[in-house]
PDB file of N, CA and C in Angstrom:
ATOM      1  N   MET A   1     150.747 -45.858   3.990  1.00  0.00           N
ATOM      2  CA  MET A   1     150.931 -46.082   2.729  1.00  0.00           C
ATOM      3  C   MET A   1     150.761 -45.159   1.977  1.00  0.00           C
ATOM      4  N   ARG A   2     149.409 -44.010   2.276  1.00  0.00           N
ATOM      5  CA  ARG A   2     149.378 -42.830   1.680  1.00  0.00           C
ATOM      6  C   ARG A   2     150.127 -42.021   1.336  1.00  0.00           C
ATOM      7  N   THR A   3     150.871 -41.740   3.221  1.00  0.00           N
ATOM      8  CA  THR A   3     151.721 -41.395   3.735  1.00  0.00           C
ATOM      9  C   THR A   3     153.167 -41.314   2.641  1.00  0.00           C
ATOM     10  N   GLY A   4     153.846 -42.404   2.862  1.00  0.00           N
ATOM     11  CA  GLY A   4     154.770 -42.695   1.739  1.00  0.00           C
ATOM     12  C   GLY A   4     155.029 -41.609   0.510  1.00  0.00           C
ATOM     13  N   ARG A   5     153.917 -42.342  -0.250  1.00  0.00           N
ATOM     14  CA  ARG A   5     153.462 -41.908  -1.318  1.00  0.00           C
ATOM     15  C   ARG A   5     153.799 -40.227  -1.197  1.00  0.00           C
ATOM     16  N   LEU A   6     153.420 -39.420  -0.336  1.00  0.00           N
ATOM     17  CA  LEU A   6     153.139 -38.173   0.127  1.00  0.00           C
ATOM     18  C   LEU A   6     154.211 -37.371  -0.325  1.00  0.00           C
ATOM     19  N   ARG A   7     155.268 -38.519   1.256  1.00  0.00           N
ATOM     20  CA  ARG A   7     156.477 -37.708   1.372  1.00  0.00           C
ATOM     21  C   ARG A   7     157.220 -38.160   0.147  1.00  0.00           C
ATOM     22  N   THR A   8     157.476 -38.929  -0.917  1.00  0.00           N
ATOM     23  CA  THR A   8     157.583 -38.923  -1.394  1.00  0.00           C
ATOM     24  C   THR A   8     158.034 -37.983  -2.657  1.00  0.00           C
ATOM     25  N   ALA A   9     156.289 -37.748  -3.358  1.00  0.00           N
ATOM     26  CA  ALA A   9     156.415 -36.551  -4.458  1.00  0.00           C
ATOM     27  C   ALA A   9     157.301 -35.378  -3.586  1.00  0.00           C
ATOM     28  N   LEU A  10     156.409 -35.113  -2.014  1.00  0.00           N
ATOM     29  CA  LEU A  10     157.072 -33.912  -1.692  1.00  0.00           C
ATOM     30  C   LEU A  10     158.513 -33.536  -1.351  1.00  0.00           C
ATOM     31  N   ALA A  11     158.915 -34.850  -1.523  1.00  0.00           N
ATOM     32  CA  ALA A  11     161.006 -34.773  -1.640  1.00  0.00           C
ATOM     33  C   ALA A  11     161.202 -34.912  -2.853  1.00  0.00           C
ATOM     34  N   LEU A  12     160.367 -34.939  -4.222  1.00  0.00           N
ATOM     35  CA  LEU A  12     161.071 -34.747  -6.001  1.00  0.00           C
ATOM     36  C   LEU A  12     160.715 -33.219  -6.426  1.00  0.00           C
ATOM     37  N   LEU A  13     159.867 -32.569  -5.219  1.00  0.00           N
ATOM     38  CA  LEU A  13     159.336 -31.597  -5.670  1.00  0.00           C
ATOM     39  C   LEU A  13     160.173 -30.768  -5.132  1.00  0.00           C
ATOM     40  N   PHE A  14     160.239 -30.516  -4.029  1.00  0.00           N
ATOM     41  CA  PHE A  14     161.787 -30.375  -3.506  1.00  0.00           C
ATOM     42  C   PHE A  14     162.456 -29.993  -4.096  1.00  0.00           C
ATOM     43  N   ALA A  15     163.351 -30.779  -4.251  1.00  0.00           N
ATOM     44  CA  ALA A  15     164.723 -31.519  -4.908  1.00  0.00           C
ATOM     45  C   ALA A  15     164.468 -30.443  -6.474  1.00  0.00           C
ATOM     46  N   THR A  16     163.841 -30.475  -6.846  1.00  0.00           N
ATOM     47  CA  THR A  16     163.625 -30.252  -8.504  1.00  0.00           C
ATOM     48  C   THR A  16     163.128 -28.490  -7.632  1.00  0.00           C
ATOM     49  N   ALA A  17     162.844 -27.643  -7.027  1.00  0.00           N
ATOM     50  CA  ALA A  17     163.008 -26.668  -6.205  1.00  0.00           C
ATOM     51  C   ALA A  17     164.316 -26.203  -6.099  1.00  0.00           C
ATOM     52  N   LEU A  18     164.934 -26.569  -5.382  1.00  0.00           N
ATOM     53  CA  LEU A  18     166.545 -26.928  -5.631  1.00  0.00           C
ATOM     54  C   LEU A  18     167.253 -26.330  -6.587  1.00  0.00           C
ATOM     55  N   GLY A  19     166.848 -27.712  -7.510  1.00  0.00           N
ATOM     56  CA  GLY A  19     167.504 -28.006  -8.575  1.00  0.00           C
ATOM     57  C   GLY A  19     167.400 -26.347  -9.558  1.00  0.00           C
ATOM     58  N   LEU A  20     166.156 -25.683  -9.856  1.00  0.00           N
ATOM     59  CA  LEU A  20     165.605 -25.085 -10.545  1.00  0.00           C
ATOM     60  C   LEU A  20     166.537 -23.859  -9.684  1.00  0.00           C
ATOM     61  N   ALA A  21     166.603 -23.542  -8.520  1.00  0.00           N
ATOM     62  CA  ALA A  21     166.970 -21.974  -7.933  1.00  0.00           C
ATOM     63  C   ALA A  21     168.746 -21.997  -7.936  1.00  0.00           C
ATOM     64  N   GLY A  22     168.732 -23.420  -7.732  1.00  0.00           N
ATOM     65  CA  GLY A  22     170.190 -23.226  -7.578  1.00  0.00           C
ATOM     66  C   GLY A  22     171.167 -22.797  -9.253  1.00  0.00           C
ATOM     67  N   PRO A  23     170.971 -22.683  -9.949  1.00  0.00           N
ATOM     68  CA  PRO A  23     171.496 -22.139 -11.302  1.00  0.00           C
ATOM     69  C   PRO A  23     171.376 -20.592 -11.288  1.00  0.00           C
ATOM     70  N   ALA A  24     170.216 -20.656 -11.345  1.00  0.00           N
ATOM     71  CA  ALA A  24     170.149 -19.400 -11.270  1.00  0.00           C
ATOM     72  C   ALA A  24     170.525 -18.097 -10.229  1.00  0.00           C
ATOM     73  N   ALA A  25     170.633 -18.830  -8.948  1.00  0.00           N
ATOM     74  CA  ALA A  25     171.640 -17.526  -8.176  1.00  0.00           C
ATOM     75  C   ALA A  25     172.869 -18.251  -8.513  1.00  0.00           C
ATOM     76  N   ALA A  26     173.415 -18.779  -9.319  1.00  0.00           N
ATOM     77  CA  ALA A  26     175.338 -18.589  -9.444  1.00  0.00           C
ATOM     78  C   ALA A  26     175.706 -17.724 -10.116  1.00  0.00           C
ATOM     79  N   PRO A  27     174.594 -16.752 -10.620  1.00  0.00           N
ATOM     80  CA  PRO A  27     175.887 -15.846 -11.179  1.00  0.00           C
ATOM     81  C   PRO A  27     175.855 -14.660 -11.004  1.00  0.00           C
ATOM     82  N   ASP A  28     174.890 -14.337  -9.332  1.00  0.00           N
ATOM     83  CA  ASP A  28     174.654 -13.194  -8.644  1.00  0.00           C
ATOM     84  C   ASP A  28     175.747 -13.951  -7.415  1.00  0.00           C
ATOM     85  N   ALA A  29     176.146 -14.956  -7.308  1.00  0.00           N
ATOM     86  CA  ALA A  29     177.386 -15.101  -5.819  1.00  0.00           C
ATOM     87  C   ALA A  29     178.200 -14.854  -6.378  1.00  0.00           C
ATOM     88  N   VAL A  30     178.669 -15.314  -8.653  1.00  0.00           N
ATOM     89  CA  VAL A  30     180.397 -15.524  -8.523  1.00  0.00           C
ATOM     90  C   VAL A  30     180.366 -13.877  -9.171  1.00  0.00           C
ATOM     91  N   ALA A  31     180.924 -13.259  -8.859  1.00  0.00           N
ATOM     92  CA  ALA A  31     180.695 -11.932  -9.076  1.00  0.00           C
ATOM     93  C   ALA A  31     182.981 -11.509 -10.002  1.00  0.00           C
ATOM     94  N   ALA A  32     182.756 -11.199 -11.405  1.00  0.00           N
ATOM     95  CA  ALA A  32     183.890 -10.569 -11.561  1.00  0.00           C
ATOM     96  C   ALA A  32     184.720  -9.602 -10.926  1.00  0.00           C
ATOM     97  N   PRO A  33     186.112 -10.218 -10.831  1.00  0.00           N
ATOM     98  CA  PRO A  33     186.619  -9.614  -9.929  1.00  0.00           C
ATOM     99  C   PRO A  33     187.212  -8.270 -10.540  1.00  0.00           C
ATOM    100  N   ALA A  34     187.340  -6.883 -10.023  1.00  0.00           N
ATOM    101  CA  ALA A  34     187.916  -5.636 -10.358  1.00  0.00           C
ATOM    102  C   ALA A  34     188.915  -5.913 -11.416  1.00  0.00           C
ATOM    103  N   ALA A  35     189.455  -5.194 -11.950  1.00  0.00           N
ATOM    104  CA  ALA A  35     190.998  -5.243 -13.112  1.00  0.00           C
ATOM    105  C   ALA A  35     192.181  -5.034 -12.231  1.00  0.00           C
ATOM    106  N   GLY A  36     192.829  -5.663 -12.229  1.00  0.00           N
ATOM    107  CA  GLY A  36     193.814  -6.088 -10.710  1.00  0.00           C
ATOM    108  C   GLY A  36     194.134  -6.803 -10.107  1.00  0.00           C
ATOM    109  N   ALA A  37     192.921  -7.400  -9.703  1.00  0.00           N
ATOM    110  CA  ALA A  37     192.575  -7.446  -8.382  1.00  0.00           C
ATOM    111  C   ALA A  37     192.126  -8.745  -8.205  1.00  0.00           C
ATOM    112  N   ALA A  38     193.511  -9.803  -7.343  1.00  0.00           N
ATOM    113  CA  ALA A  38     192.473 -11.073  -7.708  1.00  0.00           C
ATOM    114  C   ALA A  38     192.654 -11.722  -6.305  1.00  0.00           C
ATOM    115  N   GLU A  39     190.825 -12.444  -5.955  1.00  0.00           N
ATOM    116  CA  GLU A  39     190.665 -12.651  -4.577  1.00  0.00           C
ATOM    117  C   GLU A  39     190.311 -14.311  -4.518  1.00  0.00           C
ATOM    118  N   VAL A  40     191.617 -14.723  -3.425  1.00  0.00           N
ATOM    119  CA  VAL A  40     191.489 -16.315  -3.964  1.00  0.00           C
ATOM    120  C   VAL A  40     191.148 -17.101  -2.763  1.00  0.00           C
ATOM    121  N   HIS A  41     190.586 -17.823  -2.311  1.00  0.00           N
ATOM    122  CA  HIS A  41     189.805 -18.599  -1.666  1.00  0.00           C
ATOM    123  C   HIS A  41     190.002 -20.120  -1.606  1.00  0.00           C
ATOM    124  N   GLY A  42     190.712 -20.808  -0.616  1.00  0.00           N
ATOM    125  CA  GLY A  42     190.762 -22.097  -0.854  1.00  0.00           C
ATOM    126  C   GLY A  42     192.181 -22.499   0.260  1.00  0.00           C
ATOM    127  N   LEU A  43     192.526 -23.823  -0.330  1.00  0.00           N
ATOM    128  CA  LEU A  43     193.761 -23.841   0.500  1.00  0.00           C
ATOM    129  C   LEU A  43     194.944 -24.225  -0.732  1.00  0.00           C
ATOM    130  N   LYS A  44     195.995 -24.043   0.027  1.00  0.00           N
ATOM    131  CA  LYS A  44     197.150 -24.191  -1.206  1.00  0.00           C
ATOM    132  C   LYS A  44     198.155 -25.405  -0.219  1.00  0.00           C
ATOM    133  N   GLY A  45     198.460 -26.236  -1.238  1.00  0.00           N
ATOM    134  CA  GLY A  45     199.127 -27.134  -0.640  1.00  0.00           C
ATOM    135  C   GLY A  45     200.509 -26.903  -1.233  1.00  0.00           C
ATOM    136  N   GLU A  46     202.099 -27.036  -0.286  1.00  0.00           N
ATOM    137  CA  GLU A  46     203.055 -26.557  -0.797  1.00  0.00           C
ATOM    138  C   GLU A  46     204.180 -28.056  -0.297  1.00  0.00           C
ATOM    139  N   TYR A  47     204.646 -28.695  -0.807  1.00  0.00           N
ATOM    140  CA  TYR A  47     205.443 -30.037  -1.145  1.00  0.00           C
ATOM    141  C   TYR A  47     206.830 -29.847  -1.021  1.00  0.00           C
ATOM    142  N   TYR A  48     207.708 -30.662  -0.187  1.00  0.00           N
ATOM    143  CA  TYR A  48     209.074 -30.151  -0.007  1.00  0.00           C
ATOM    144  C   TYR A  48     209.302 -31.435  -0.227  1.00  0.00           C
ATOM    145  N   ALA A  49     210.860 -31.598  -0.536  1.00  0.00           N
ATOM    146  CA  ALA A  49     211.666 -32.618  -0.445  1.00  0.00           C
ATOM    147  C   ALA A  49     212.741 -33.162   1.062  1.00  0.00           C
ATOM    148  N   GLN A  50     212.583 -34.093   1.682  1.00  0.00           N
ATOM    149  CA  GLN A  50     213.454 -33.988   2.610  1.00  0.00           C
ATOM    150  C   GLN A  50     214.806 -34.320   2.017  1.00  0.00           C
ATOM    151  N   SER A  51     215.973 -33.991   3.019  1.00  0.00           N
ATOM    152  CA  SER A  51     217.315 -34.112   2.900  1.00  0.00           C
ATOM    153  C   SER A  51     217.764 -35.243   3.195  1.00  0.00           C
ATOM    154  N   ALA A  52     217.116 -36.307   4.498  1.00  0.00           N
ATOM    155  CA  ALA A  52     217.341 -37.203   4.801  1.00  0.00           C
ATOM    156  C   ALA A  52     216.074 -37.954   5.246  1.00  0.00           C
ATOM    157  N   PRO A  53     215.939 -39.599   4.921  1.00  0.00           N
ATOM    158  CA  PRO A  53     215.271 -40.178   5.172  1.00  0.00           C
ATOM    159  C   PRO A  53     214.411 -39.375   6.856  1.00  0.00           C
ATOM    160  N   GLY A  54     213.035 -39.316   7.254  1.00  0.00           N
ATOM    161  CA  GLY A  54     212.665 -39.097   7.963  1.00  0.00           C
ATOM    162  C   GLY A  54     212.781 -37.555   8.284  1.00  0.00           C
ATOM    163  N   ALA A  55     213.603 -36.963   7.640  1.00  0.00           N
ATOM    164  CA  ALA A  55     214.053 -35.280   8.345  1.00  0.00           C
ATOM    165  C   ALA A  55     212.983 -34.493   8.269  1.00  0.00           C
ATOM    166  N   PHE A  56     212.505 -33.279   8.722  1.00  0.00           N
ATOM    167  CA  PHE A  56     211.022 -32.706   8.528  1.00  0.00           C
ATOM    168  C   PHE A  56     212.000 -31.486   8.573  1.00  0.00           C
ATOM    169  N   ASP A  57     212.772 -30.619   7.957  1.00  0.00           N
ATOM    170  CA  ASP A  57     214.109 -29.472   7.420  1.00  0.00           C
ATOM    171  C   ASP A  57     213.174 -28.305   6.243  1.00  0.00           C
ATOM    172  N   PHE A  58     211.991 -29.124   5.636  1.00  0.00           N
ATOM    173  CA  PHE A  58     211.846 -28.765   4.465  1.00  0.00           C
ATOM    174  C   PHE A  58     213.392 -28.076   3.370  1.00  0.00           C
ATOM    175  N   HIS A  59     213.830 -29.666   3.005  1.00  0.00           N
ATOM    176  CA  HIS A  59     214.861 -28.820   1.919  1.00  0.00           C
ATOM    177  C   HIS A  59     215.055 -28.452   0.995  1.00  0.00           C
ATOM    178  N   GLU A  60     213.797 -28.713   0.132  1.00  0.00           N
ATOM    179  CA  GLU A  60     213.780 -28.198  -1.275  1.00  0.00           C
ATOM    180  C   GLU A  60     212.046 -28.148  -1.812  1.00  0.00           C
ATOM    181  N   LEU A  61     211.543 -27.113  -2.164  1.00  0.00           N
ATOM    182  CA  LEU A  61     210.168 -26.674  -2.759  1.00  0.00           C
ATOM    183  C   LEU A  61     209.951 -27.990  -3.461  1.00  0.00           C
ATOM    184  N   LYS A  62     208.970 -29.192  -3.968  1.00  0.00           N
ATOM    185  CA  LYS A  62     209.059 -29.968  -5.171  1.00  0.00           C
ATOM    186  C   LYS A  62     208.033 -29.170  -5.990  1.00  0.00           C
ATOM    187  N   ALA A  63     207.034 -29.191  -5.208  1.00  0.00           N
ATOM    188  CA  ALA A  63     205.522 -28.980  -6.017  1.00  0.00           C
ATOM    189  C   ALA A  63     204.641 -28.230  -5.330  1.00  0.00           C
ATOM    190  N   THR A  64     203.521 -27.188  -5.585  1.00  0.00           N
ATOM    191  CA  THR A  64     201.995 -26.099  -4.747  1.00  0.00           C
ATOM    192  C   THR A  64     201.146 -26.412  -5.874  1.00  0.00           C
ATOM    193  N   GLY A  65     200.334 -26.956  -4.747  1.00  0.00           N
ATOM    194  CA  GLY A  65     199.216 -26.801  -5.590  1.00  0.00           C
ATOM    195  C   GLY A  65     197.873 -26.551  -4.835  1.00  0.00           C
TER     196      GLY A  65
END
């Protein structure tokens, strides 16, 4: 029973330490891009309309996300 309390207390201490360290490290990780240089990371989705049901012909670009 005593080890359960100790484990819970250590888990809360660890979570608190991570919570305090997280926001402090964020400004260093995200630097402002240089003027005119935009670096984008992630996924790009392009959605197309079909010319006929079941056709995969990329007929008309409908949206980009």
